[in-house]
Structure formats: C-alpha cells, structure tokens
Protein backbone atom coordinates (compact mmCIF):
# COMPACT_ATOMS: atom_id res chain seq x y z
CA MET A 1 -5.21 -79.57 -45.85
CA ALA A 2 -1.71 -81.02 -45.77
CA SER A 3 -0.27 -77.58 -45.02
CA LEU A 4 -2.68 -77.20 -42.08
CA ILE A 5 -1.50 -80.53 -40.63
CA ALA A 6 2.14 -79.56 -41.18
CA TYR A 7 1.51 -76.17 -39.57
CA SER A 8 -0.19 -77.83 -36.57
CA PHE A 9 2.69 -80.27 -36.19
CA LEU A 10 5.25 -77.46 -36.27
CA LEU A 11 3.25 -75.45 -33.72
CA VAL A 12 3.11 -78.43 -31.32
CA LEU A 13 6.84 -79.08 -31.86
CA PHE A 14 7.66 -75.42 -31.17
CA VAL A 15 5.57 -75.25 -27.99
CA THR A 16 6.94 -78.56 -26.71
CA SER A 17 10.55 -77.55 -27.35
CA GLY A 18 9.91 -74.24 -25.58
CA VAL A 19 8.76 -76.10 -22.46
CA VAL A 20 11.81 -78.36 -22.54
CA ILE A 21 14.13 -75.37 -22.99
CA ALA A 22 12.44 -73.46 -20.17
CA THR A 23 12.74 -76.49 -17.86
CA LYS A 24 16.38 -76.98 -18.82
CA LYS A 25 17.16 -73.30 -18.19
CA ASN A 26 15.43 -73.51 -14.82
CA GLU A 27 17.47 -76.58 -13.84
CA GLU A 28 20.70 -75.01 -15.11
CA PHE A 29 20.00 -71.88 -13.06
CA ILE A 30 19.48 -73.99 -9.92
CA ILE A 31 22.74 -75.86 -10.47
CA GLU A 32 24.81 -72.83 -11.49
CA ASN A 33 23.65 -70.83 -8.47
CA ASN A 34 23.94 -73.70 -6.00
CA CYS A 35 20.31 -73.05 -4.99
CA GLU A 36 19.74 -76.43 -3.39
CA PHE A 37 22.43 -76.02 -0.76
CA LYS A 38 21.91 -72.48 0.55
CA MET A 39 19.35 -73.41 3.21
CA ASP A 40 19.44 -76.06 5.93
CA LEU A 41 16.96 -78.90 5.65
CA SER A 42 14.72 -77.75 8.51
CA CYS A 43 14.27 -74.35 6.83
CA VAL A 44 13.61 -75.97 3.46
CA SER A 45 10.89 -78.00 5.17
CA GLU A 46 9.36 -74.89 6.79
CA VAL A 47 9.26 -72.97 3.53
CA PHE A 48 7.90 -76.00 1.66
CA ASP A 49 5.13 -76.44 4.25
CA SER A 50 4.19 -72.77 4.07
CA ILE A 51 3.80 -73.00 0.29
CA PHE A 52 2.51 -76.51 -0.38
CA LYS A 53 0.62 -77.13 2.87
CA THR A 54 -0.16 -74.74 5.72
CA GLY A 55 2.39 -73.33 8.07
CA SER A 56 4.57 -70.37 8.78
CA VAL A 57 8.25 -69.59 8.44
CA THR A 58 10.36 -68.66 11.47
CA ASN A 59 12.57 -65.58 11.51
CA LYS A 60 15.66 -67.78 11.18
CA CYS A 61 14.32 -69.53 8.11
CA CYS A 62 13.07 -66.26 6.61
CA GLY A 63 16.65 -65.04 6.85
CA GLU A 64 17.90 -68.16 5.07
CA LEU A 65 15.21 -67.77 2.40
CA LEU A 66 16.31 -64.20 1.72
CA VAL A 67 19.96 -65.31 1.48
CA LEU A 68 18.82 -67.99 -0.98
CA GLY A 69 17.46 -65.19 -3.16
CA LYS A 70 14.21 -64.61 -4.97
CA LYS A 71 15.34 -66.19 -8.25
CA CYS A 72 16.52 -69.40 -6.57
CA HIS A 73 13.33 -69.53 -4.51
CA HIS A 74 11.18 -69.13 -7.61
CA ALA A 75 13.22 -71.65 -9.63
CA LEU A 76 12.97 -74.28 -6.88
CA VAL A 77 9.21 -73.83 -6.54
CA LYS A 78 8.77 -74.11 -10.32
CA ARG A 79 10.91 -77.26 -10.40
CA THR A 80 8.85 -78.77 -7.58
CA LEU A 81 5.66 -78.09 -9.54
CA GLU A 82 7.15 -79.94 -12.52
CA ASN A 83 7.44 -83.11 -10.41
CA THR A 84 4.65 -85.57 -11.24
CA ILE A 85 3.76 -85.85 -7.54
CA PHE A 86 2.67 -82.20 -7.54
CA LYS A 87 1.10 -82.01 -11.02
CA SER A 88 -2.42 -82.13 -9.58
CA LEU A 89 -1.91 -78.99 -7.49
CA ASP A 90 -3.27 -75.67 -8.67
CA ARG A 91 -0.16 -73.97 -10.06
CA LYS A 92 -1.63 -70.47 -9.70
CA THR A 93 -2.40 -71.01 -6.00
CA ILE A 94 1.05 -72.44 -5.31
CA MET A 95 2.79 -69.55 -7.09
CA HIS A 96 0.64 -67.08 -5.12
CA LYS A 97 1.57 -68.80 -1.84
CA SER A 98 5.23 -68.76 -2.90
CA ILE A 99 5.14 -65.02 -3.54
CA THR A 100 3.26 -64.45 -0.28
CA THR A 101 5.87 -66.43 1.69
CA TRP A 102 8.70 -64.48 0.05
CA SER A 103 6.95 -61.14 0.66
CA LYS A 104 6.28 -61.90 4.34
CA CYS A 105 9.94 -62.80 4.88
CA HIS A 106 11.07 -59.71 3.00
CA GLU A 107 8.80 -57.46 5.07
CA LEU A 108 9.97 -59.13 8.26
CA SER A 109 13.57 -58.36 7.35
CA ARG A 110 12.72 -54.70 6.81
CA SER A 111 10.86 -54.21 10.07
CA PRO A 112 12.90 -52.96 13.03
CA SER A 113 13.79 -55.66 15.50
CA PRO A 114 12.49 -55.21 19.04
CA SER A 115 14.89 -53.75 21.59
CA SER A 116 16.34 -56.20 24.06
C-alpha cells in the first residue's frame, strides 16, 4: 500500500513538473523570439478578437501575423489560455479558432492580389 501511495505521489510530481517545464519553455520561446513586439497593438487586438471573441482580421494585420510566425502565434495563444482570466474557456475551441485564423491569413497571402 505504501508503494502505491509513493508511486501516486511520484506520478503527480512528474506530471506537475512537466506542466511547469512546458510553461517555462513556452515563455522562454516568447522572450527569445521577441514575439510580443512583432505586431502593432491594433493588429494584436484584431487577432485576439478573432480567436477569443468574434471578428475578422484585416489584410494588414494578416500580414503582421504571418511575419510574427506560426510558432510565436501559437505560443502567445497558449500563454493567454494559461492566464486565470481565460481558464474557463474551452481550450479545444480556442486552439481551433487560432488555427483557423492563421490558416485564413496564410491562404490570403497566397491568393493573387487584385489588379489595380
């Protein structure tokens, strides 16, 4: 019985430390890649609204999102979800909306621009 309790404790400790390490790596990635400062505030707001509320992203802000990069985009969304304010949101839905926003911007960048 004692070994079962010890095993359970070690399992909880391992899982908890894995979450802390993953969060730390996410934060380190954001800092090392200067992710927070690659988009202007109005575009950050547009992208945030399209993921966490309802809204769309303009061509200008799609361009900034693509310059930000997929890994920075994903890391910032994950970090936002870790904030206690957003803990009640459905993580799966938010991640789906994040991928959809990225994909729409990526497709927009690949489509030919209209002739002027």
